[in-house]
């Protein structure tokens, strides 16, 4: 039936989260560094791309994704490098996409999967089973002959529904995964379109790395999809996604506040103070990790990553793997 509402319930938790997110966005817009700071926007865009692709087993680290987009040579599978370049291209075109257009949805899929899948920019022509990382079938996607009509109906519902866009965008994300309209790239398109829909409610969402939060909570993401599949409605998935969106805004506000502090204190002074703390720490420890920098400098995880990446780029620290985590030690020249 045309415009039939997808199945979901608006719970007290959902109402509470929507109100809290709206309030957070109101506060964030007052001190929003994203509108004036191109460096922060680019950093968030790179985190978005890294997060969304890492969920789909892309092997590139955040630093490697940055290097690829800076035009540097990176030793990695060509497929993974192509995924990064394709994703960056379509996220950069976000403001040109019509979130209710099936043609634009196909165009986005075509750019995301260009040179990587056979049916790029097309709905799939064959049946498909959706499997988890262990190869267990989670559900069978819609039969291919029904895919175009169902996607168009879903887009039409999102366009005309009176439900809050925060909820509508979550429902779209889940229902697209359920239909599974493409041979490959469904997750990437779903997360991209979710961001696109949110950015039409508030433009700041174009620069918030919600995908990065989803990547950090990947097991919860799949568990929410599975729970919604079992229940036959997207309620659990909506609740999960709203919590991820809330976490993304909260983190962005912390980073923005830290940048305001840096601007008021003088960036060089702040950077020097942080380096002195890290250098002193490394005189008594073999290496330093993100959590150590957070505690030493009183910053968020995202800012700790930025500090460490800058010190690595400056040749003061060297990054390496330590017990399955990234660690940093002083370079030889800094030790002498």
Protein backbone atom coordinates (compact mmCIF):
# COMPACT_ATOMS: atom_id res chain seq x y z
CA UNK A 1 0.00 0.00 0.00
CA UNK A 2 1.34 3.43 -0.95
CA UNK A 3 2.69 5.50 1.94
CA UNK A 4 2.08 2.71 4.46
CA UNK A 5 3.91 3.55 7.69
CA UNK A 6 6.86 1.22 8.37
CA UNK A 7 6.36 -0.65 11.66
CA UNK A 8 7.84 1.03 14.76
CA UNK A 9 6.72 2.37 18.13
CA UNK A 10 7.58 5.78 19.58
CA UNK A 11 8.67 4.85 23.11
CA UNK A 12 9.28 7.13 26.09
CA UNK A 13 13.01 6.59 25.53
CA UNK A 14 12.72 7.80 21.93
CA UNK A 15 10.69 10.89 22.96
CA UNK A 16 13.28 11.68 25.67
CA UNK A 17 16.24 11.27 23.27
CA UNK A 18 14.65 13.42 20.54
CA UNK A 19 14.04 16.21 23.07
CA UNK A 20 17.58 15.92 24.44
CA UNK A 21 19.17 15.95 20.96
CA UNK A 22 17.12 19.00 19.95
CA UNK A 23 18.27 20.78 23.12
CA UNK A 24 21.91 19.79 22.52
CA UNK A 25 21.74 21.06 18.93
CA UNK A 26 20.37 24.37 20.20
CA UNK A 27 23.35 24.75 22.56
CA UNK A 28 25.83 23.51 19.96
CA UNK A 29 24.71 26.02 17.33
CA UNK A 30 25.67 28.88 19.70
CA UNK A 31 29.35 27.84 19.98
CA UNK A 32 29.55 25.81 16.77
CA UNK A 33 33.15 25.66 15.58
CA UNK A 34 32.11 23.52 12.61
CA UNK A 35 30.66 26.48 10.72
CA UNK A 36 33.88 28.51 11.00
CA UNK A 37 36.68 25.95 11.21
CA UNK A 38 37.46 24.12 7.92
CA UNK A 39 40.18 22.04 9.60
CA UNK A 40 37.70 20.60 12.09
CA UNK A 41 35.13 19.98 9.34
CA UNK A 42 37.70 18.06 7.27
CA UNK A 43 38.85 16.10 10.31
CA UNK A 44 35.25 15.08 11.07
CA UNK A 45 34.58 14.21 7.44
CA UNK A 46 37.62 11.91 7.43
CA UNK A 47 36.46 10.27 10.68
CA UNK A 48 33.02 9.77 9.12
CA UNK A 49 34.48 8.04 6.06
CA UNK A 50 36.90 5.93 8.09
CA UNK A 51 34.12 4.83 10.47
CA UNK A 52 31.59 3.92 7.78
CA UNK A 53 34.14 1.97 5.71
CA UNK A 54 35.76 0.24 8.70
CA UNK A 55 32.35 -1.24 9.59
CA UNK A 56 32.51 -2.95 6.17
CA UNK A 57 36.02 -4.38 6.82
CA UNK A 58 38.02 -1.67 5.04
CA UNK A 59 41.54 -2.11 6.48
CA UNK A 60 42.82 1.49 6.30
CA UNK A 61 43.55 3.28 9.59
CA UNK A 62 42.38 6.83 10.23
CA UNK A 63 45.90 8.07 9.43
CA UNK A 64 45.99 6.11 6.16
CA UNK A 65 42.59 7.49 5.11
CA UNK A 66 43.95 10.99 5.81
CA UNK A 67 47.07 10.24 3.75
CA UNK A 68 45.02 8.95 0.79
CA UNK A 69 42.89 12.09 0.80
CA UNK A 70 46.05 14.21 1.02
CA UNK A 71 47.25 12.55 -2.21
CA UNK A 72 50.03 10.55 -0.53
CA UNK A 73 51.11 7.03 -1.44
CA UNK A 74 49.64 4.43 0.92
CA UNK A 75 50.56 0.73 0.96
CA UNK A 76 47.13 -0.90 1.10
CA UNK A 77 44.76 -2.98 -1.07
CA UNK A 78 43.67 -0.95 -4.15
CA UNK A 79 40.02 -1.79 -3.38
CA UNK A 80 40.28 -0.18 0.07
CA UNK A 81 41.93 2.95 -1.35
CA UNK A 82 39.23 3.21 -4.04
CA UNK A 83 36.50 2.93 -1.37
CA UNK A 84 38.02 5.89 0.51
CA UNK A 85 38.24 8.10 -2.59
CA UNK A 86 34.72 7.19 -3.69
CA UNK A 87 33.24 7.83 -0.23
CA UNK A 88 34.99 11.20 0.07
CA UNK A 89 33.63 12.25 -3.33
CA UNK A 90 30.00 11.53 -2.48
CA UNK A 91 30.18 13.01 1.06
CA UNK A 92 31.59 16.19 -0.50
CA UNK A 93 28.49 16.29 -2.74
CA UNK A 94 26.09 15.86 0.16
CA UNK A 95 24.50 19.30 -0.24
CA UNK A 96 23.72 18.58 -3.91
CA UNK A 97 21.68 15.42 -3.21
CA UNK A 98 17.90 15.32 -2.97
CA UNK A 99 17.19 13.00 0.01
CA UNK A 100 13.82 11.97 -1.49
CA UNK A 101 15.04 11.16 -5.01
CA UNK A 102 15.50 7.55 -6.09
CA UNK A 103 17.74 8.75 -8.94
CA UNK A 104 20.04 10.50 -6.47
CA UNK A 105 20.09 7.39 -4.27
CA UNK A 106 21.25 5.35 -7.29
CA UNK A 107 23.80 8.04 -8.20
CA UNK A 108 25.21 7.93 -4.67
CA UNK A 109 25.50 4.14 -4.81
CA UNK A 110 27.19 4.45 -8.20
CA UNK A 111 29.86 6.79 -6.81
CA UNK A 112 30.37 4.82 -3.58
CA UNK A 113 30.88 1.53 -5.46
CA UNK A 114 32.44 2.84 -8.70
CA UNK A 115 34.87 0.30 -10.08
CA UNK A 116 34.20 -2.06 -7.18
CA UNK A 117 30.94 -3.93 -7.88
CA UNK A 118 29.28 -5.22 -11.02
CA UNK A 119 25.86 -3.57 -10.49
CA UNK A 120 27.17 -0.16 -9.45
CA UNK A 121 24.45 2.50 -9.41
CA UNK A 122 21.73 -0.10 -9.99
CA UNK A 123 19.28 -2.06 -7.89
CA UNK A 124 20.35 -5.68 -7.63
CA UNK A 125 19.02 -8.19 -10.15
CA UNK A 126 19.44 -11.30 -7.99
CA UNK A 127 18.14 -12.52 -4.59
CA UNK A 128 20.48 -11.97 -1.63
CA UNK A 129 20.88 -13.25 1.91
CA UNK A 130 22.25 -10.89 4.55
CA UNK A 131 24.95 -12.59 6.64
CA UNK A 132 26.88 -11.55 9.75
CA UNK A 133 30.68 -11.69 10.16
CA UNK A 134 30.45 -15.41 11.07
CA UNK A 135 28.53 -16.20 7.88
CA UNK A 136 25.17 -16.77 9.62
CA UNK A 137 22.17 -15.65 7.54
CA UNK A 138 20.40 -12.81 9.36
CA UNK A 139 17.59 -12.41 6.85
CA UNK A 140 16.85 -12.59 3.15
CA UNK A 141 16.59 -9.29 1.32
CA UNK A 142 13.47 -8.39 -0.62
CA UNK A 143 13.10 -10.25 -3.93
CA UNK A 144 14.70 -8.12 -6.68
CA UNK A 145 11.48 -7.53 -8.66
CA UNK A 146 9.94 -5.73 -5.65
CA UNK A 147 12.98 -3.61 -4.71
CA UNK A 148 12.40 -0.47 -6.89
CA UNK A 149 8.79 0.03 -5.78
CA UNK A 150 9.58 -0.55 -2.09
CA UNK A 151 12.50 1.92 -2.15
CA UNK A 152 10.34 4.56 -3.87
CA UNK A 153 7.54 4.03 -1.31
CA UNK A 154 10.05 4.32 1.54
CA UNK A 155 11.45 7.59 0.15
CA UNK A 156 7.91 8.89 -0.32
CA UNK A 157 7.02 8.02 3.30
CA UNK A 158 10.15 9.81 4.60
CA UNK A 159 9.24 12.88 2.54
CA UNK A 160 5.59 13.11 3.61
CA UNK A 161 5.56 11.72 7.17
CA UNK A 162 4.89 14.14 10.04
CA UNK A 163 7.13 12.16 12.42
CA UNK A 164 10.23 14.05 13.64
CA UNK A 165 13.15 13.81 11.20
CA UNK A 166 15.38 12.34 13.91
CA UNK A 167 13.04 9.34 14.01
CA UNK A 168 12.24 9.27 10.27
CA UNK A 169 15.93 9.13 9.35
CA UNK A 170 16.50 6.16 11.69
CA UNK A 171 13.49 4.34 10.23
CA UNK A 172 14.78 4.93 6.70
CA UNK A 173 18.24 3.61 7.64
CA UNK A 174 16.78 0.41 9.09
CA UNK A 175 14.20 -0.20 6.34
CA UNK A 176 16.81 0.29 3.60
CA UNK A 177 19.01 -2.36 5.25
CA UNK A 178 15.97 -4.65 5.44
CA UNK A 179 15.11 -4.24 1.74
CA UNK A 180 18.83 -4.57 0.92
CA UNK A 181 18.35 -3.01 -2.52
CA UNK A 182 21.94 -3.34 -3.77
CA UNK A 183 24.24 -6.26 -4.48
CA UNK A 184 26.84 -4.55 -2.26
CA UNK A 185 27.23 -1.23 -0.44
CA UNK A 186 23.86 -1.22 1.37
CA UNK A 187 25.37 -0.28 4.74
CA UNK A 188 27.44 2.55 3.28
CA UNK A 189 24.43 3.97 1.40
CA UNK A 190 22.18 3.61 4.47
CA UNK A 191 24.59 5.52 6.72
CA UNK A 192 25.24 8.18 4.05
CA UNK A 193 21.50 8.73 3.51
CA UNK A 194 20.87 8.86 7.25
CA UNK A 195 23.43 11.70 7.48
CA UNK A 196 21.88 13.39 4.43
CA UNK A 197 18.38 13.33 5.96
CA UNK A 198 19.66 14.66 9.29
CA UNK A 199 21.53 17.45 7.49
CA UNK A 200 18.23 18.62 6.01
CA UNK A 201 16.87 18.99 9.55
CA UNK A 202 20.04 20.73 10.78
CA UNK A 203 22.99 21.44 8.41
CA UNK A 204 25.52 20.77 11.20
CA UNK A 205 24.86 17.03 10.77
CA UNK A 206 26.71 17.12 7.44
CA UNK A 207 29.89 17.53 9.52
CA UNK A 208 29.15 15.39 12.60
CA UNK A 209 30.93 12.00 12.47
CA UNK A 210 27.98 9.85 13.58
CA UNK A 211 29.44 6.99 11.49
CA UNK A 212 32.54 7.07 13.69
CA UNK A 213 30.41 6.51 16.81
CA UNK A 214 28.60 3.63 15.07
CA UNK A 215 31.98 2.07 14.26
CA UNK A 216 33.03 2.36 17.93
CA UNK A 217 29.79 0.59 18.88
CA UNK A 218 29.64 -1.79 15.92
CA UNK A 219 28.48 -4.86 17.86
CA UNK A 220 25.60 -2.83 19.36
CA UNK A 221 24.73 -1.60 15.85
CA UNK A 222 24.35 -5.14 14.50
CA UNK A 223 22.61 -6.32 17.67
CA UNK A 224 20.04 -3.51 17.27
CA UNK A 225 19.44 -4.50 13.62
CA UNK A 226 19.03 -8.17 14.65
CA UNK A 227 16.70 -7.32 17.54
CA UNK A 228 14.56 -5.19 15.22
CA UNK A 229 14.50 -8.00 12.63
CA UNK A 230 13.32 -10.43 15.31
CA UNK A 231 10.65 -7.99 16.52
CA UNK A 232 9.49 -7.15 12.98
CA UNK A 233 9.80 -3.41 13.68
CA UNK A 234 12.60 -0.83 13.92
CA UNK A 235 12.00 0.44 17.48
CA UNK A 236 15.20 -1.01 19.01
CA UNK A 237 17.26 0.27 16.08
CA UNK A 238 15.79 3.78 16.45
CA UNK A 239 16.71 3.83 20.15
CA UNK A 240 20.28 2.71 19.38
CA UNK A 241 20.78 5.26 16.59
CA UNK A 242 19.44 8.14 18.69
CA UNK A 243 21.94 7.23 21.43
CA UNK A 244 24.76 7.23 18.83
CA UNK A 245 23.62 10.61 17.46
CA UNK A 246 23.51 12.00 21.01
CA UNK A 247 27.04 10.72 21.69
CA UNK A 248 28.30 12.28 18.46
CA UNK A 249 26.90 15.71 19.35
CA UNK A 250 28.25 15.52 22.91
CA UNK A 251 31.73 14.67 21.65
CA UNK A 252 31.60 17.45 19.03
CA UNK A 253 30.63 19.94 21.75
CA UNK A 254 33.61 18.83 23.88
CA UNK A 255 36.01 19.26 20.95
CA UNK A 256 34.46 22.65 20.15
CA UNK A 257 34.89 23.78 23.79
CA UNK A 258 38.51 22.62 23.78
CA UNK A 259 39.16 24.57 20.58
CA UNK A 260 37.61 27.67 22.14
CA UNK A 261 39.95 27.22 25.12
CA UNK A 262 42.91 26.90 22.77
CA UNK A 263 41.92 30.07 20.94
CA UNK A 264 41.60 32.02 24.19
CA UNK A 265 44.84 30.64 25.68
CA UNK A 266 46.87 30.89 22.49
CA UNK A 267 47.21 27.75 20.38
CA UNK A 268 51.00 27.55 20.44
CA UNK A 269 51.11 27.87 24.22
CA UNK A 270 48.49 25.16 24.63
CA UNK A 271 50.25 22.84 22.17
CA UNK A 272 53.59 23.40 23.93
CA UNK A 273 52.05 22.70 27.34
CA UNK A 274 50.58 19.45 26.09
CA UNK A 275 53.83 18.37 24.45
CA UNK A 276 55.75 19.05 27.71
CA UNK A 277 53.30 16.86 29.64
CA UNK A 278 53.57 14.04 27.08
CA UNK A 279 57.36 14.33 26.93
CA UNK A 280 57.61 14.18 30.72
CA UNK A 281 55.32 11.14 30.79
CA UNK A 282 57.49 9.33 28.24
CA UNK A 283 60.61 9.80 30.36
CA UNK A 284 59.12 7.28 32.78
CA UNK A 285 57.08 5.13 30.34
CA UNK A 286 58.00 3.28 27.14
CA UNK A 287 54.92 4.50 25.28
CA UNK A 288 51.75 6.58 25.55
CA UNK A 289 48.18 5.81 24.39
CA UNK A 290 45.01 7.80 23.71
CA UNK A 291 43.67 7.17 27.23
CA UNK A 292 46.90 8.50 28.78
CA UNK A 293 46.70 11.73 26.76
CA UNK A 294 43.03 12.17 27.72
CA UNK A 295 43.97 11.96 31.41
CA UNK A 296 47.15 14.06 31.16
CA UNK A 297 45.64 16.89 29.13
CA UNK A 298 41.99 16.69 30.18
CA UNK A 299 40.73 16.29 26.61
CA UNK A 300 38.25 14.10 24.70
CA UNK A 301 39.23 10.96 22.82
CA UNK A 302 38.93 12.78 19.47
CA UNK A 303 41.24 15.59 20.63
CA UNK A 304 43.74 13.08 22.07
CA UNK A 305 43.86 11.41 18.64
CA UNK A 306 44.43 14.78 16.99
CA UNK A 307 47.27 15.68 19.42
CA UNK A 308 49.03 12.34 18.88
CA UNK A 309 48.60 12.50 15.08
CA UNK A 310 50.09 16.03 15.00
CA UNK A 311 53.09 14.97 17.14
CA UNK A 312 53.58 11.95 14.87
CA UNK A 313 53.46 14.20 11.78
CA UNK A 314 55.97 16.59 13.40
CA UNK A 315 58.40 13.68 13.93
CA UNK A 316 58.30 13.89 17.73
CA UNK A 317 56.47 10.58 18.21
CA UNK A 318 56.36 7.26 16.34
CA UNK A 319 53.14 5.26 16.10
CA UNK A 320 53.13 1.45 16.40
CA UNK A 321 50.95 -1.47 17.53
CA UNK A 322 51.16 -2.46 21.19
CA UNK A 323 49.02 -5.38 22.37
CA UNK A 324 46.35 -4.80 19.69
CA UNK A 325 46.18 -1.04 20.33
CA UNK A 326 47.91 2.00 18.83
CA UNK A 327 50.75 3.36 20.97
CA UNK A 328 53.26 6.16 20.53
CA UNK A 329 56.89 6.40 21.63
CA UNK A 330 59.53 9.10 21.33
CA UNK A 331 61.49 9.15 18.07
CA UNK A 332 65.21 8.46 18.31
CA UNK A 333 66.08 12.11 17.73
CA UNK A 334 63.81 13.14 20.63
CA UNK A 335 65.48 10.55 22.89
CA UNK A 336 68.97 11.96 22.32
